[in-house]
Amino acid sequence: MKCVICREGETTKGVTTVTLERDDATLVFKSVPALICDNCGEVYLEDEIGSKLLAKTQEAARTGVQVEVRNYALAV
């Protein structure tokens, strides 16, 4: 797909690191599947993946996690 940010690049499948914060919790998810613009580097996540990451972050915030790093394949 054409990048909606730079309007120049095309997105290709890859992996990225996503950092999410909720209240006092910060979660870092590594090796997250994504589409990445080959021109500007903008990252696009599928809706299902984004929803799973948000749910895991909310769960971590409820359990009192302050900082956590997870591999995406093991986190979902």
N, C-alpha and C. Protein backbone atom coordinates (compact mmCIF):
# COMPACT_ATOMS: atom_id res chain seq x y z
N MET A 1 0.84 -1.18 0.00
CA MET A 1 0.00 0.00 0.00
C MET A 1 0.89 1.24 0.00
N LYS A 2 0.36 2.34 -0.50
CA LYS A 2 1.07 3.61 -0.52
C LYS A 2 1.02 4.22 0.88
N CYS A 3 2.13 4.77 1.34
CA CYS A 3 2.20 5.40 2.66
C CYS A 3 1.32 6.66 2.69
N VAL A 4 0.45 6.75 3.70
CA VAL A 4 -0.43 7.92 3.80
C VAL A 4 0.27 9.12 4.44
N ILE A 5 1.43 8.90 5.02
CA ILE A 5 2.17 10.00 5.65
C ILE A 5 3.03 10.75 4.62
N CYS A 6 3.94 10.04 3.97
CA CYS A 6 4.83 10.71 3.02
C CYS A 6 4.28 10.70 1.59
N ARG A 7 3.35 9.82 1.31
CA ARG A 7 2.71 9.69 0.00
C ARG A 7 3.69 9.33 -1.11
N GLU A 8 4.88 8.92 -0.74
CA GLU A 8 5.90 8.56 -1.73
C GLU A 8 6.25 7.08 -1.66
N GLY A 9 6.38 6.57 -0.45
CA GLY A 9 6.87 5.21 -0.27
C GLY A 9 5.79 4.15 -0.34
N GLU A 10 6.24 2.92 -0.50
CA GLU A 10 5.37 1.75 -0.45
C GLU A 10 5.68 1.00 0.84
N THR A 11 4.66 0.39 1.41
CA THR A 11 4.88 -0.38 2.64
C THR A 11 5.23 -1.82 2.30
N THR A 12 6.10 -2.38 3.13
CA THR A 12 6.49 -3.78 2.99
C THR A 12 6.40 -4.44 4.36
N LYS A 13 6.21 -5.76 4.35
CA LYS A 13 6.13 -6.49 5.60
C LYS A 13 7.47 -6.46 6.30
N GLY A 14 7.41 -6.32 7.62
CA GLY A 14 8.61 -6.33 8.44
C GLY A 14 8.23 -6.48 9.89
N VAL A 15 9.17 -6.21 10.77
CA VAL A 15 8.91 -6.23 12.20
C VAL A 15 9.43 -4.93 12.80
N THR A 16 8.82 -4.54 13.92
CA THR A 16 9.20 -3.29 14.57
C THR A 16 9.08 -3.45 16.08
N THR A 17 9.51 -2.45 16.80
CA THR A 17 9.35 -2.39 18.25
C THR A 17 8.29 -1.35 18.56
N VAL A 18 7.34 -1.71 19.42
CA VAL A 18 6.25 -0.82 19.80
C VAL A 18 6.33 -0.56 21.30
N THR A 19 6.31 0.70 21.69
CA THR A 19 6.30 1.08 23.10
C THR A 19 4.94 1.71 23.42
N LEU A 20 4.27 1.16 24.44
CA LEU A 20 2.97 1.67 24.85
C LEU A 20 2.99 2.02 26.33
N GLU A 21 2.31 3.09 26.69
CA GLU A 21 2.21 3.51 28.09
C GLU A 21 0.75 3.59 28.49
N ARG A 22 0.47 3.13 29.68
CA ARG A 22 -0.88 3.21 30.24
C ARG A 22 -0.72 3.48 31.73
N ASP A 23 -1.25 4.60 32.21
CA ASP A 23 -1.06 5.02 33.60
C ASP A 23 0.44 5.02 33.89
N ASP A 24 0.89 4.26 34.89
CA ASP A 24 2.32 4.21 35.22
C ASP A 24 3.04 3.05 34.55
N ALA A 25 2.36 2.29 33.71
CA ALA A 25 2.96 1.12 33.07
C ALA A 25 3.53 1.48 31.70
N THR A 26 4.72 0.97 31.41
CA THR A 26 5.33 1.12 30.10
C THR A 26 5.69 -0.28 29.61
N LEU A 27 5.15 -0.66 28.47
CA LEU A 27 5.45 -1.96 27.89
C LEU A 27 6.13 -1.76 26.55
N VAL A 28 7.17 -2.54 26.31
CA VAL A 28 7.88 -2.53 25.04
C VAL A 28 7.68 -3.91 24.42
N PHE A 29 7.12 -3.93 23.22
CA PHE A 29 6.92 -5.17 22.49
C PHE A 29 7.90 -5.20 21.33
N LYS A 30 8.73 -6.25 21.28
CA LYS A 30 9.73 -6.38 20.23
C LYS A 30 9.25 -7.39 19.19
N SER A 31 9.74 -7.24 17.99
CA SER A 31 9.44 -8.15 16.87
C SER A 31 7.95 -8.20 16.53
N VAL A 32 7.32 -7.04 16.51
CA VAL A 32 5.90 -6.94 16.19
C VAL A 32 5.74 -6.90 14.66
N PRO A 33 4.92 -7.79 14.08
CA PRO A 33 4.70 -7.75 12.63
C PRO A 33 4.02 -6.43 12.24
N ALA A 34 4.51 -5.83 11.17
CA ALA A 34 3.97 -4.54 10.74
C ALA A 34 4.24 -4.33 9.26
N LEU A 35 3.56 -3.34 8.71
CA LEU A 35 3.90 -2.82 7.39
C LEU A 35 4.71 -1.56 7.62
N ILE A 36 5.84 -1.43 6.94
CA ILE A 36 6.75 -0.31 7.17
C ILE A 36 7.04 0.39 5.85
N CYS A 37 6.90 1.70 5.85
CA CYS A 37 7.15 2.49 4.65
C CYS A 37 8.64 2.44 4.30
N ASP A 38 8.93 2.14 3.04
CA ASP A 38 10.33 2.07 2.61
C ASP A 38 10.95 3.44 2.39
N ASN A 39 10.14 4.50 2.48
CA ASN A 39 10.66 5.85 2.29
C ASN A 39 10.86 6.58 3.62
N CYS A 40 9.80 6.65 4.43
CA CYS A 40 9.88 7.45 5.66
C CYS A 40 9.93 6.62 6.94
N GLY A 41 9.68 5.31 6.84
CA GLY A 41 9.76 4.45 8.01
C GLY A 41 8.49 4.39 8.85
N GLU A 42 7.42 5.05 8.40
CA GLU A 42 6.15 5.00 9.14
C GLU A 42 5.71 3.55 9.29
N VAL A 43 5.17 3.22 10.47
CA VAL A 43 4.77 1.86 10.80
C VAL A 43 3.26 1.76 10.85
N TYR A 44 2.74 0.71 10.25
CA TYR A 44 1.29 0.44 10.26
C TYR A 44 1.06 -0.94 10.86
N LEU A 45 0.20 -1.01 11.87
CA LEU A 45 -0.14 -2.28 12.49
C LEU A 45 -1.53 -2.71 12.04
N GLU A 46 -1.72 -4.01 11.88
CA GLU A 46 -3.06 -4.51 11.61
C GLU A 46 -3.92 -4.25 12.84
N ASP A 47 -5.20 -4.04 12.64
CA ASP A 47 -6.12 -3.74 13.74
C ASP A 47 -6.05 -4.80 14.84
N GLU A 48 -6.02 -6.06 14.45
CA GLU A 48 -6.00 -7.16 15.43
C GLU A 48 -4.74 -7.11 16.29
N ILE A 49 -3.61 -6.83 15.67
CA ILE A 49 -2.35 -6.75 16.42
C ILE A 49 -2.37 -5.56 17.38
N GLY A 50 -2.83 -4.41 16.90
CA GLY A 50 -2.93 -3.23 17.76
C GLY A 50 -3.83 -3.47 18.95
N SER A 51 -4.97 -4.13 18.70
CA SER A 51 -5.91 -4.42 19.79
C SER A 51 -5.29 -5.34 20.83
N LYS A 52 -4.55 -6.35 20.38
CA LYS A 52 -3.90 -7.27 21.31
C LYS A 52 -2.85 -6.55 22.16
N LEU A 53 -2.09 -5.66 21.53
CA LEU A 53 -1.07 -4.92 22.28
C LEU A 53 -1.71 -4.00 23.32
N LEU A 54 -2.78 -3.33 22.94
CA LEU A 54 -3.48 -2.45 23.89
C LEU A 54 -4.06 -3.25 25.06
N ALA A 55 -4.62 -4.42 24.78
CA ALA A 55 -5.19 -5.26 25.84
C ALA A 55 -4.11 -5.71 26.81
N LYS A 56 -2.96 -6.11 26.28
CA LYS A 56 -1.85 -6.56 27.13
C LYS A 56 -1.33 -5.40 27.99
N THR A 57 -1.31 -4.20 27.42
CA THR A 57 -0.85 -3.03 28.17
C THR A 57 -1.83 -2.69 29.29
N GLN A 58 -3.12 -2.74 29.01
CA GLN A 58 -4.12 -2.47 30.04
C GLN A 58 -4.04 -3.51 31.16
N GLU A 59 -3.86 -4.76 30.79
CA GLU A 59 -3.73 -5.84 31.78
C GLU A 59 -2.51 -5.60 32.66
N ALA A 60 -1.39 -5.22 32.05
CA ALA A 60 -0.17 -4.97 32.81
C ALA A 60 -0.35 -3.79 33.77
N ALA A 61 -1.04 -2.75 33.32
CA ALA A 61 -1.27 -1.59 34.19
C ALA A 61 -2.11 -1.99 35.40
N ARG A 62 -3.10 -2.85 35.20
CA ARG A 62 -3.95 -3.31 36.31
C ARG A 62 -3.18 -4.14 37.33
N THR A 63 -2.17 -4.86 36.86
CA THR A 63 -1.42 -5.74 37.77
C THR A 63 -0.22 -5.05 38.41
N GLY A 64 -0.02 -3.77 38.08
CA GLY A 64 1.04 -3.02 38.75
C GLY A 64 2.40 -3.03 38.06
N VAL A 65 2.47 -3.51 36.85
CA VAL A 65 3.74 -3.50 36.11
C VAL A 65 4.14 -2.06 35.86
N GLN A 66 5.43 -1.76 36.06
CA GLN A 66 5.91 -0.42 35.75
C GLN A 66 6.62 -0.39 34.41
N VAL A 67 7.55 -1.32 34.19
CA VAL A 67 8.26 -1.41 32.91
C VAL A 67 8.42 -2.88 32.59
N GLU A 68 8.11 -3.23 31.33
CA GLU A 68 8.25 -4.62 30.92
C GLU A 68 8.58 -4.66 29.43
N VAL A 69 9.46 -5.58 29.07
CA VAL A 69 9.83 -5.79 27.67
C VAL A 69 9.40 -7.21 27.31
N ARG A 70 8.63 -7.32 26.22
CA ARG A 70 8.12 -8.63 25.80
C ARG A 70 8.42 -8.83 24.32
N ASN A 71 8.65 -10.08 23.96
CA ASN A 71 8.72 -10.45 22.56
C ASN A 71 7.30 -10.64 22.09
N TYR A 72 6.91 -10.08 20.97
CA TYR A 72 5.52 -10.12 20.52
C TYR A 72 5.00 -11.55 20.43
N ALA A 73 5.76 -12.46 19.88
CA ALA A 73 5.30 -13.85 19.70
C ALA A 73 4.95 -14.50 21.04
N LEU A 74 5.62 -14.11 22.10
CA LEU A 74 5.36 -14.68 23.42
C LEU A 74 4.31 -13.89 24.19
N ALA A 75 4.02 -12.67 23.76
CA ALA A 75 3.13 -11.79 24.52
C ALA A 75 1.66 -12.04 24.22
N VAL A 76 1.34 -12.57 23.07
CA VAL A 76 -0.08 -12.71 22.71
C VAL A 76 -0.59 -14.11 22.87
